[in-house]
């Protein structure tokens, strides 16, 4: 059974022309698989990832997570599902610059109600895994771009998620830091058996995945 199964997904935003962003897109993703969703800007790839991650709802179609209908879940149940099962790595980081690295990584555990001592232990463990243990007490605002992206990866992994969604994870990084982040993502994915879904326009990054899905004009073309 796929960990994620999307069938005939369509998305139309209520604008003047109501142009479809996605049109009848279907995709099954297996547990432990790495999948790249690739396409030009405006192709619909990020919208599709947001729907797969339950961050957005389709206009039509179905979405199952571990065989359960995700579109019938309440907002509270969806929040719990995302916090428990998914980790997110976004190009924009979404860090609180006034908090320490440790506090940023521990945030999902705060939301999950994990006790203080346990969440600090797990957060430090993840910071060590991404090579940032020495920056644990440093404010996130004072980190470099490469360090911030590694911090985001640590935050994504701290809840032991089954699926990591990464949207242009190397888009804002230079070549050296991009390689560090890429090696880290794929290394941890293989070590922990995580399902990895990457949205990118970078063909070199996409080739590292088990499978590449091309989206053009809201449809899967290969």
Protein backbone atom coordinates (compact mmCIF):
# COMPACT_ATOMS: atom_id res chain seq x y z
CA UNK A 1 0.00 0.00 0.00
CA UNK A 2 1.40 3.44 -0.93
CA UNK A 3 2.13 5.83 1.91
CA UNK A 4 0.57 8.59 -0.24
CA UNK A 5 -1.94 8.02 -3.03
CA UNK A 6 -3.33 10.94 -5.05
CA UNK A 7 -5.97 10.25 -7.71
CA UNK A 8 -7.22 12.66 -10.40
CA UNK A 9 -6.20 15.75 -8.45
CA UNK A 10 -7.36 19.05 -9.91
CA UNK A 11 -6.94 22.53 -8.46
CA UNK A 12 -8.69 25.67 -9.66
CA UNK A 13 -8.26 28.95 -7.81
CA UNK A 14 -11.25 31.28 -7.76
CA UNK A 15 -9.85 34.04 -9.97
CA UNK A 16 -11.37 35.96 -12.84
CA UNK A 17 -10.28 33.40 -15.44
CA UNK A 18 -10.40 30.36 -13.08
CA UNK A 19 -7.45 28.74 -14.86
CA UNK A 20 -6.73 25.18 -13.62
CA UNK A 21 -3.38 24.89 -11.81
CA UNK A 22 -3.61 21.10 -11.78
CA UNK A 23 -5.68 18.90 -14.08
CA UNK A 24 -6.30 15.24 -13.24
CA UNK A 25 -2.94 14.46 -11.63
CA UNK A 26 -2.43 11.02 -10.08
CA UNK A 27 0.59 9.73 -8.16
CA UNK A 28 1.36 6.89 -5.74
CA UNK A 29 4.42 7.19 -3.48
CA UNK A 30 5.84 4.12 -1.75
CA UNK A 31 7.27 4.01 1.76
CA UNK A 32 10.99 4.82 1.77
CA UNK A 33 10.97 6.07 -1.83
CA UNK A 34 12.58 9.32 -2.96
CA UNK A 35 10.56 11.18 -5.59
CA UNK A 36 11.43 14.40 -7.41
CA UNK A 37 8.58 16.51 -8.78
CA UNK A 38 10.15 18.69 -11.42
CA UNK A 39 8.84 21.43 -13.67
CA UNK A 40 9.21 25.05 -14.66
CA UNK A 41 7.93 27.93 -12.55
CA UNK A 42 4.14 28.01 -12.76
CA UNK A 43 3.85 24.35 -13.80
CA UNK A 44 1.85 23.44 -10.69
CA UNK A 45 4.56 21.40 -8.95
CA UNK A 46 4.53 23.32 -5.65
CA UNK A 47 0.72 23.33 -5.54
CA UNK A 48 0.76 19.57 -6.04
CA UNK A 49 3.26 19.09 -3.21
CA UNK A 50 1.15 21.26 -0.90
CA UNK A 51 -1.85 19.05 -1.63
CA UNK A 52 0.15 15.84 -1.07
CA UNK A 53 1.30 17.30 2.26
CA UNK A 54 -2.30 18.25 3.22
CA UNK A 55 -1.32 21.93 3.34
CA UNK A 56 -3.92 22.65 0.64
CA UNK A 57 -7.05 20.89 -0.59
CA UNK A 58 -7.78 19.93 -4.20
CA UNK A 59 -10.81 21.18 -6.03
CA UNK A 60 -11.54 17.62 -7.14
CA UNK A 61 -9.85 14.24 -6.69
CA UNK A 62 -8.88 12.03 -3.77
CA UNK A 63 -5.92 11.84 -1.40
CA UNK A 64 -5.13 8.89 0.85
CA UNK A 65 -2.43 8.77 3.53
CA UNK A 66 -1.67 5.18 4.56
CA UNK A 67 -4.98 4.15 3.02
CA UNK A 68 -7.07 6.68 4.97
CA UNK A 69 -9.04 9.45 3.25
CA UNK A 70 -7.13 12.62 4.19
CA UNK A 71 -9.77 14.90 2.69
CA UNK A 72 -12.35 13.81 5.29
CA UNK A 73 -10.17 14.67 8.29
CA UNK A 74 -10.98 17.66 10.49
CA UNK A 75 -8.57 20.58 10.73
CA UNK A 76 -7.39 19.35 14.14
CA UNK A 77 -6.84 15.81 12.83
CA UNK A 78 -4.89 17.19 9.86
CA UNK A 79 -2.69 19.27 12.17
CA UNK A 80 -1.98 16.17 14.23
CA UNK A 81 -1.24 14.11 11.11
CA UNK A 82 1.23 16.66 9.77
CA UNK A 83 2.98 17.07 13.13
CA UNK A 84 3.24 13.32 13.66
CA UNK A 85 3.94 12.02 10.19
CA UNK A 86 5.43 14.79 8.03
CA UNK A 87 8.52 16.98 8.10
CA UNK A 88 8.95 20.09 5.95
CA UNK A 89 12.02 21.69 4.39
CA UNK A 90 11.20 24.95 2.63
CA UNK A 91 13.42 27.30 0.65
CA UNK A 92 12.28 30.26 2.78
CA UNK A 93 13.40 28.57 6.07
CA UNK A 94 10.50 29.93 8.22
CA UNK A 95 12.72 30.18 11.30
CA UNK A 96 12.25 32.45 14.30
CA UNK A 97 15.41 34.52 14.14
CA UNK A 98 15.06 35.70 17.75
CA UNK A 99 15.08 32.14 19.10
CA UNK A 100 18.12 29.89 19.47
CA UNK A 101 18.86 27.06 17.07
CA UNK A 102 17.86 24.61 19.79
CA UNK A 103 14.49 26.29 20.35
CA UNK A 104 13.75 26.39 16.62
CA UNK A 105 14.40 22.66 16.27
CA UNK A 106 12.38 21.85 19.39
CA UNK A 107 9.27 23.77 18.24
CA UNK A 108 7.45 20.78 16.65
CA UNK A 109 7.97 18.88 19.91
CA UNK A 110 6.45 21.78 21.87
CA UNK A 111 3.39 21.56 19.60
CA UNK A 112 3.27 17.79 20.17
CA UNK A 113 3.32 18.28 23.96
CA UNK A 114 6.68 16.57 24.55
CA UNK A 115 8.15 17.35 28.02
CA UNK A 116 10.92 19.97 28.21
CA UNK A 117 13.81 17.63 29.03
CA UNK A 118 12.90 15.17 26.29
CA UNK A 119 12.46 17.80 23.61
CA UNK A 120 15.76 19.48 24.45
CA UNK A 121 17.51 16.11 24.28
CA UNK A 122 15.97 15.25 20.91
CA UNK A 123 16.59 18.73 19.50
CA UNK A 124 20.27 18.57 20.46
CA UNK A 125 20.50 15.09 18.95
CA UNK A 126 19.19 16.41 15.65
CA UNK A 127 21.48 19.45 15.74
CA UNK A 128 24.41 17.07 16.21
CA UNK A 129 23.22 14.96 13.27
CA UNK A 130 23.33 17.98 10.95
CA UNK A 131 26.62 19.31 12.32
CA UNK A 132 25.21 22.25 14.27
CA UNK A 133 25.69 21.21 17.90
CA UNK A 134 28.11 24.09 18.48
CA UNK A 135 25.46 26.54 17.25
CA UNK A 136 22.75 25.24 19.61
CA UNK A 137 22.65 28.46 21.66
CA UNK A 138 23.17 30.80 18.72
CA UNK A 139 20.24 32.89 17.51
CA UNK A 140 18.90 31.59 14.20
CA UNK A 141 19.20 35.09 12.71
CA UNK A 142 22.99 34.89 13.09
CA UNK A 143 23.43 31.67 11.12
CA UNK A 144 24.63 31.52 7.51
CA UNK A 145 22.26 30.45 4.72
CA UNK A 146 23.71 26.93 4.63
CA UNK A 147 23.44 26.63 8.41
CA UNK A 148 19.83 27.81 8.34
CA UNK A 149 18.92 25.16 5.79
CA UNK A 150 20.60 22.47 7.90
CA UNK A 151 18.67 23.82 10.89
CA UNK A 152 15.43 23.45 8.93
CA UNK A 153 16.35 19.83 8.16
CA UNK A 154 17.02 19.16 11.86
CA UNK A 155 13.62 20.67 12.72
CA UNK A 156 11.95 18.53 10.05
CA UNK A 157 13.50 15.34 11.46
CA UNK A 158 13.04 15.95 15.18
CA UNK A 159 9.60 14.29 15.31
CA UNK A 160 10.89 11.15 13.50
CA UNK A 161 8.58 11.74 10.50
CA UNK A 162 7.81 9.09 7.93
CA UNK A 163 7.73 11.59 5.05
CA UNK A 164 9.88 14.66 4.33
CA UNK A 165 8.58 17.26 1.87
CA UNK A 166 11.32 19.52 0.51
CA UNK A 167 10.45 22.50 -1.70
CA UNK A 168 13.54 23.76 -3.59
CA UNK A 169 15.80 22.82 -0.63
CA UNK A 170 18.97 24.05 -2.37
CA UNK A 171 17.42 26.98 -4.26
CA UNK A 172 18.98 29.74 -2.13
CA UNK A 173 22.35 28.05 -1.56
CA UNK A 174 25.69 28.19 -3.32
CA UNK A 175 27.15 25.02 -4.86
CA UNK A 176 29.14 23.97 -1.79
CA UNK A 177 26.29 24.41 0.69
CA UNK A 178 23.85 22.90 -1.78
CA UNK A 179 25.93 19.72 -1.87
CA UNK A 180 26.14 19.61 1.93
CA UNK A 181 22.35 19.89 2.24
CA UNK A 182 21.74 17.36 -0.54
CA UNK A 183 24.14 14.80 0.98
CA UNK A 184 22.53 15.35 4.36
CA UNK A 185 18.96 14.90 3.10
CA UNK A 186 19.65 11.74 1.13
CA UNK A 187 21.98 10.29 3.78
CA UNK A 188 19.39 10.67 6.52
CA UNK A 189 16.64 9.45 4.18
CA UNK A 190 18.49 6.19 3.54
CA UNK A 191 19.61 5.80 7.16
CA UNK A 192 16.12 6.26 8.60
CA UNK A 193 14.05 4.84 5.72
CA UNK A 194 12.20 8.14 5.27
CA UNK A 195 10.02 8.82 2.24
CA UNK A 196 11.41 11.91 0.51
CA UNK A 197 9.37 14.14 -1.82
CA UNK A 198 11.37 16.95 -3.43
CA UNK A 199 9.97 19.75 -5.57
CA UNK A 200 12.67 21.30 -7.72
CA UNK A 201 13.62 22.73 -11.10
CA UNK A 202 17.19 21.43 -10.59
CA UNK A 203 17.64 18.40 -12.84
CA UNK A 204 20.90 17.36 -11.12
CA UNK A 205 19.11 17.20 -7.76
CA UNK A 206 16.18 15.34 -9.31
CA UNK A 207 18.49 12.64 -10.74
CA UNK A 208 19.50 11.65 -7.21
CA UNK A 209 15.95 10.47 -6.51
CA UNK A 210 14.57 6.99 -7.16
CA UNK A 211 11.96 8.46 -9.47
CA UNK A 212 11.41 11.74 -11.33
CA UNK A 213 7.91 13.05 -12.06
CA UNK A 214 7.68 15.85 -14.64
CA UNK A 215 4.80 18.33 -14.44
CA UNK A 216 3.95 20.67 -17.29
CA UNK A 217 0.92 22.97 -17.41
CA UNK A 218 -0.67 21.19 -14.46
CA UNK A 219 -0.31 17.67 -15.82
CA UNK A 220 2.18 14.85 -15.32
CA UNK A 221 3.96 14.37 -18.65
CA UNK A 222 6.57 11.74 -17.66
